Amino acid sequence: MSSQVLIPNTESAILARILQADEQELTLDAARYWLSVKIPASDQDRVDELSAKARAGSLTEAETQELDNYLHIDFLLSTMHAKARRLLPMESTLSPQ
């Protein structure tokens, strides 16, 4: 399974560097938007399926890469959720996870 370390110049790694840059703070509206962004249920089902196969030790190489991609995106979303929560501490406690 993935170590969740982003490879230097994959699309998700590049996007992570852009989103993690602290040069510009989120606006309140942008923070609210990021707190609303969730992985679609069908994708979560696929993550669950791939994770079960990983635990069973039966992932193919392509499935391992697919799961890594999902984990990278989850990392990015988690990063943006954390930034938004710092800006909107009261609102973020009301948002479903």
C-alpha atoms as a PDB file:
ATOM      1  CA  MET A   1       0.000   0.000   0.000  1.00  0.00           C
ATOM      2  CA  SER A   2       1.034   3.626  -0.422  1.00  0.00           C
ATOM      3  CA  SER A   3       3.278   5.540   1.902  1.00  0.00           C
ATOM      4  CA  GLN A   4       1.250   8.639   0.870  1.00  0.00           C
ATOM      5  CA  VAL A   5       4.421  10.454  -0.182  1.00  0.00           C
ATOM      6  CA  LEU A   6       3.803  12.385  -3.359  1.00  0.00           C
ATOM      7  CA  ILE A   7       6.146  11.748  -6.267  1.00  0.00           C
ATOM      8  CA  PRO A   8       7.743  15.119  -7.156  1.00  0.00           C
ATOM      9  CA  ASN A   9       6.042  15.973 -10.455  1.00  0.00           C
ATOM     10  CA  THR A  10       2.837  13.996 -10.700  1.00  0.00           C
ATOM     11  CA  GLU A  11      -0.289  16.062 -11.288  1.00  0.00           C
ATOM     12  CA  SER A  12      -1.359  15.617  -7.675  1.00  0.00           C
ATOM     13  CA  ALA A  13       2.076  16.576  -6.338  1.00  0.00           C
ATOM     14  CA  ILE A  14       2.135  19.755  -8.397  1.00  0.00           C
ATOM     15  CA  LEU A  15      -1.395  20.625  -7.308  1.00  0.00           C
ATOM     16  CA  ALA A  16      -0.481  19.907  -3.681  1.00  0.00           C
ATOM     17  CA  ARG A  17       2.386  22.388  -3.835  1.00  0.00           C
ATOM     18  CA  ILE A  18       0.061  25.013  -5.306  1.00  0.00           C
ATOM     19  CA  LEU A  19      -2.653  24.449  -2.706  1.00  0.00           C
ATOM     20  CA  GLN A  20      -0.248  24.281   0.220  1.00  0.00           C
ATOM     21  CA  ALA A  21       1.442  27.560  -0.628  1.00  0.00           C
ATOM     22  CA  ASP A  22       0.769  30.020   2.168  1.00  0.00           C
ATOM     23  CA  GLU A  23       1.337  33.094   0.017  1.00  0.00           C
ATOM     24  CA  GLN A  24      -2.369  33.793  -0.291  1.00  0.00           C
ATOM     25  CA  GLU A  25      -4.930  33.065   2.401  1.00  0.00           C
ATOM     26  CA  LEU A  26      -8.291  31.602   1.565  1.00  0.00           C
ATOM     27  CA  THR A  27     -11.280  33.888   1.427  1.00  0.00           C
ATOM     28  CA  LEU A  28     -14.222  32.986   3.657  1.00  0.00           C
ATOM     29  CA  ASP A  29     -16.225  31.871   0.620  1.00  0.00           C
ATOM     30  CA  ALA A  30     -13.356  29.733  -0.652  1.00  0.00           C
ATOM     31  CA  ALA A  31     -12.942  28.171   2.798  1.00  0.00           C
ATOM     32  CA  ARG A  32     -16.641  27.314   2.899  1.00  0.00           C
ATOM     33  CA  TYR A  33     -16.367  25.826  -0.575  1.00  0.00           C
ATOM     34  CA  TRP A  34     -13.389  23.626   0.366  1.00  0.00           C
ATOM     35  CA  LEU A  35     -15.230  22.352   3.433  1.00  0.00           C
ATOM     36  CA  SER A  36     -18.059  21.276   1.131  1.00  0.00           C
ATOM     37  CA  VAL A  37     -15.796  19.314  -1.240  1.00  0.00           C
ATOM     38  CA  LYS A  38     -16.024  15.566  -0.634  1.00  0.00           C
ATOM     39  CA  ILE A  39     -15.070  12.494  -2.604  1.00  0.00           C
ATOM     40  CA  PRO A  40     -18.140  11.132  -4.446  1.00  0.00           C
ATOM     41  CA  ALA A  41     -19.738   7.995  -2.981  1.00  0.00           C
ATOM     42  CA  SER A  42     -18.871   5.938  -6.053  1.00  0.00           C
ATOM     43  CA  ASP A  43     -15.204   6.853  -5.677  1.00  0.00           C
ATOM     44  CA  GLN A  44     -15.298   6.076  -1.954  1.00  0.00           C
ATOM     45  CA  ASP A  45     -16.748   2.666  -2.816  1.00  0.00           C
ATOM     46  CA  ARG A  46     -13.822   2.105  -5.183  1.00  0.00           C
ATOM     47  CA  VAL A  47     -11.325   3.160  -2.487  1.00  0.00           C
ATOM     48  CA  ASP A  48     -12.951   0.708  -0.084  1.00  0.00           C
ATOM     49  CA  GLU A  49     -12.757  -2.064  -2.691  1.00  0.00           C
ATOM     50  CA  LEU A  50      -9.100  -1.363  -3.461  1.00  0.00           C
ATOM     51  CA  SER A  51      -8.249  -1.092   0.241  1.00  0.00           C
ATOM     52  CA  ALA A  52      -9.825  -4.490   0.903  1.00  0.00           C
ATOM     53  CA  LYS A  53      -7.794  -5.993  -1.920  1.00  0.00           C
ATOM     54  CA  ALA A  54      -4.652  -4.340  -0.529  1.00  0.00           C
ATOM     55  CA  ARG A  55      -5.283  -5.840   2.906  1.00  0.00           C
ATOM     56  CA  ALA A  56      -5.733  -9.232   1.241  1.00  0.00           C
ATOM     57  CA  GLY A  57      -2.486  -8.723  -0.684  1.00  0.00           C
ATOM     58  CA  SER A  58      -4.168  -9.105  -4.060  1.00  0.00           C
ATOM     59  CA  LEU A  59      -3.768  -5.689  -5.708  1.00  0.00           C
ATOM     60  CA  THR A  60      -2.393  -5.585  -9.224  1.00  0.00           C
ATOM     61  CA  GLU A  61       0.225  -2.986 -10.082  1.00  0.00           C
ATOM     62  CA  ALA A  62      -2.406  -0.883 -11.857  1.00  0.00           C
ATOM     63  CA  GLU A  63      -4.723  -1.098  -8.842  1.00  0.00           C
ATOM     64  CA  THR A  64      -1.875  -0.101  -6.540  1.00  0.00           C
ATOM     65  CA  GLN A  65      -1.320   3.014  -8.654  1.00  0.00           C
ATOM     66  CA  GLU A  66      -5.048   3.729  -8.694  1.00  0.00           C
ATOM     67  CA  LEU A  67      -5.243   3.451  -4.900  1.00  0.00           C
ATOM     68  CA  ASP A  68      -2.185   5.692  -4.561  1.00  0.00           C
ATOM     69  CA  ASN A  69      -3.921   8.274  -6.753  1.00  0.00           C
ATOM     70  CA  TYR A  70      -6.965   8.208  -4.503  1.00  0.00           C
ATOM     71  CA  LEU A  71      -4.774   8.534  -1.410  1.00  0.00           C
ATOM     72  CA  HIS A  72      -2.954  11.515  -2.908  1.00  0.00           C
ATOM     73  CA  ILE A  73      -6.241  13.264  -3.657  1.00  0.00           C
ATOM     74  CA  ASP A  74      -7.462  12.480  -0.137  1.00  0.00           C
ATOM     75  CA  PHE A  75      -4.294  14.096   1.201  1.00  0.00           C
ATOM     76  CA  LEU A  76      -4.947  17.211  -0.882  1.00  0.00           C
ATOM     77  CA  LEU A  77      -8.564  17.435   0.272  1.00  0.00           C
ATOM     78  CA  SER A  78      -7.506  16.932   3.880  1.00  0.00           C
ATOM     79  CA  THR A  79      -4.971  19.730   3.514  1.00  0.00           C
ATOM     80  CA  MET A  80      -7.569  22.110   2.114  1.00  0.00           C
ATOM     81  CA  HIS A  81     -10.109  21.103   4.757  1.00  0.00           C
ATOM     82  CA  ALA A  82      -7.527  21.860   7.467  1.00  0.00           C
ATOM     83  CA  LYS A  83      -6.785  25.274   5.961  1.00  0.00           C
ATOM     84  CA  ALA A  84     -10.487  26.043   5.782  1.00  0.00           C
ATOM     85  CA  ARG A  85     -11.078  24.901   9.366  1.00  0.00           C
ATOM     86  CA  ARG A  86      -8.359  27.251  10.615  1.00  0.00           C
ATOM     87  CA  LEU A  87     -10.162  30.127   8.902  1.00  0.00           C
ATOM     88  CA  LEU A  88     -13.676  29.008   9.876  1.00  0.00           C
ATOM     89  CA  PRO A  89     -13.298  27.253  13.233  1.00  0.00           C
ATOM     90  CA  MET A  90     -16.924  27.608  14.292  1.00  0.00           C
ATOM     91  CA  GLU A  91     -18.424  26.648  10.939  1.00  0.00           C
ATOM     92  CA  SER A  92     -16.141  23.667  10.426  1.00  0.00           C
ATOM     93  CA  THR A  93     -17.385  22.021  13.621  1.00  0.00           C
ATOM     94  CA  LEU A  94     -20.855  22.062  12.117  1.00  0.00           C
ATOM     95  CA  SER A  95     -19.805  20.518   8.781  1.00  0.00           C
ATOM     96  CA  PRO A  96     -20.180  16.750   8.378  1.00  0.00           C
ATOM     97  CA  GLN A  97     -16.933  14.899   7.811  1.00  0.00           C
END
